């Protein structure tokens, strides 16, 4: 998801966060405990950055089309 000023990309399973993009640090983070199997795939963070660009472009189009609706 995204907003005018912020964004988030997260992968989860059964209500547990498995991976998220930390846009402030510029990296993907796996908050799983050490005994869990790692969840990685090459280019995950770069894909998240690209998805934020698409999300913000779509947000701008929707704000204009719906005349700046309430949240």
Protein backbone atom coordinates (compact mmCIF):
# COMPACT_ATOMS: atom_id res chain seq x y z
CA UNK A 1 0.00 0.00 0.00
CA UNK A 2 0.98 3.61 -0.28
CA UNK A 3 -0.01 7.16 0.58
CA UNK A 4 1.17 10.57 -0.62
CA UNK A 5 4.09 10.41 1.80
CA UNK A 6 4.64 6.79 2.80
CA UNK A 7 4.45 3.20 1.62
CA UNK A 8 4.64 -0.39 2.77
CA UNK A 9 5.26 -3.77 1.15
CA UNK A 10 4.84 -6.86 3.32
CA UNK A 11 4.47 -10.61 2.88
CA UNK A 12 2.73 -12.58 5.58
CA UNK A 13 1.31 -16.01 6.32
CA UNK A 14 -1.42 -16.87 8.86
CA UNK A 15 -1.28 -13.37 10.33
CA UNK A 16 2.49 -13.46 10.80
CA UNK A 17 4.79 -11.00 9.06
CA UNK A 18 7.40 -12.95 7.06
CA UNK A 19 9.12 -10.16 5.12
CA UNK A 20 8.78 -6.43 4.66
CA UNK A 21 10.53 -3.67 2.77
CA UNK A 22 12.15 -1.05 4.99
CA UNK A 23 12.22 1.95 2.66
CA UNK A 24 14.10 4.08 5.21
CA UNK A 25 17.00 1.60 5.42
CA UNK A 26 16.75 0.59 1.74
CA UNK A 27 16.52 -3.16 2.35
CA UNK A 28 14.21 -6.10 2.88
CA UNK A 29 13.78 -7.35 6.45
CA UNK A 30 12.86 -10.84 7.68
CA UNK A 31 11.48 -10.51 11.23
CA UNK A 32 11.19 -14.29 11.66
CA UNK A 33 12.93 -15.94 14.62
CA UNK A 34 16.30 -17.64 13.96
CA UNK A 35 14.84 -21.18 13.97
CA UNK A 36 12.40 -20.40 11.11
CA UNK A 37 13.26 -21.23 7.51
CA UNK A 38 14.38 -18.07 5.72
CA UNK A 39 12.03 -16.53 3.15
CA UNK A 40 14.01 -14.79 0.43
CA UNK A 41 13.96 -14.26 -3.28
CA UNK A 42 16.38 -12.24 -5.39
CA UNK A 43 15.14 -8.76 -6.25
CA UNK A 44 12.38 -8.64 -3.59
CA UNK A 45 13.34 -5.18 -2.33
CA UNK A 46 13.81 -3.80 -5.84
CA UNK A 47 10.37 -5.12 -6.79
CA UNK A 48 8.88 -3.45 -3.71
CA UNK A 49 10.41 -0.12 -4.74
CA UNK A 50 8.93 -0.50 -8.24
CA UNK A 51 5.53 -1.41 -6.79
CA UNK A 52 5.57 1.80 -4.74
CA UNK A 53 6.08 3.84 -7.90
CA UNK A 54 3.08 2.16 -9.54
CA UNK A 55 0.99 2.55 -6.37
CA UNK A 56 1.72 6.27 -6.07
CA UNK A 57 0.97 6.85 -9.76
CA UNK A 58 -2.36 5.01 -9.40
CA UNK A 59 -3.10 6.99 -6.22
CA UNK A 60 -2.59 10.29 -8.05
CA UNK A 61 -4.91 9.19 -10.87
CA UNK A 62 -7.61 8.09 -8.40
CA UNK A 63 -7.38 11.29 -6.35
CA UNK A 64 -7.88 13.32 -9.52
CA UNK A 65 -10.65 11.06 -10.88
CA UNK A 66 -12.61 10.96 -7.61
CA UNK A 67 -11.93 14.60 -6.74
CA UNK A 68 -9.77 13.95 -3.67
CA UNK A 69 -12.03 11.61 -1.63
CA UNK A 70 -11.75 11.22 2.13
CA UNK A 71 -9.59 8.37 3.46
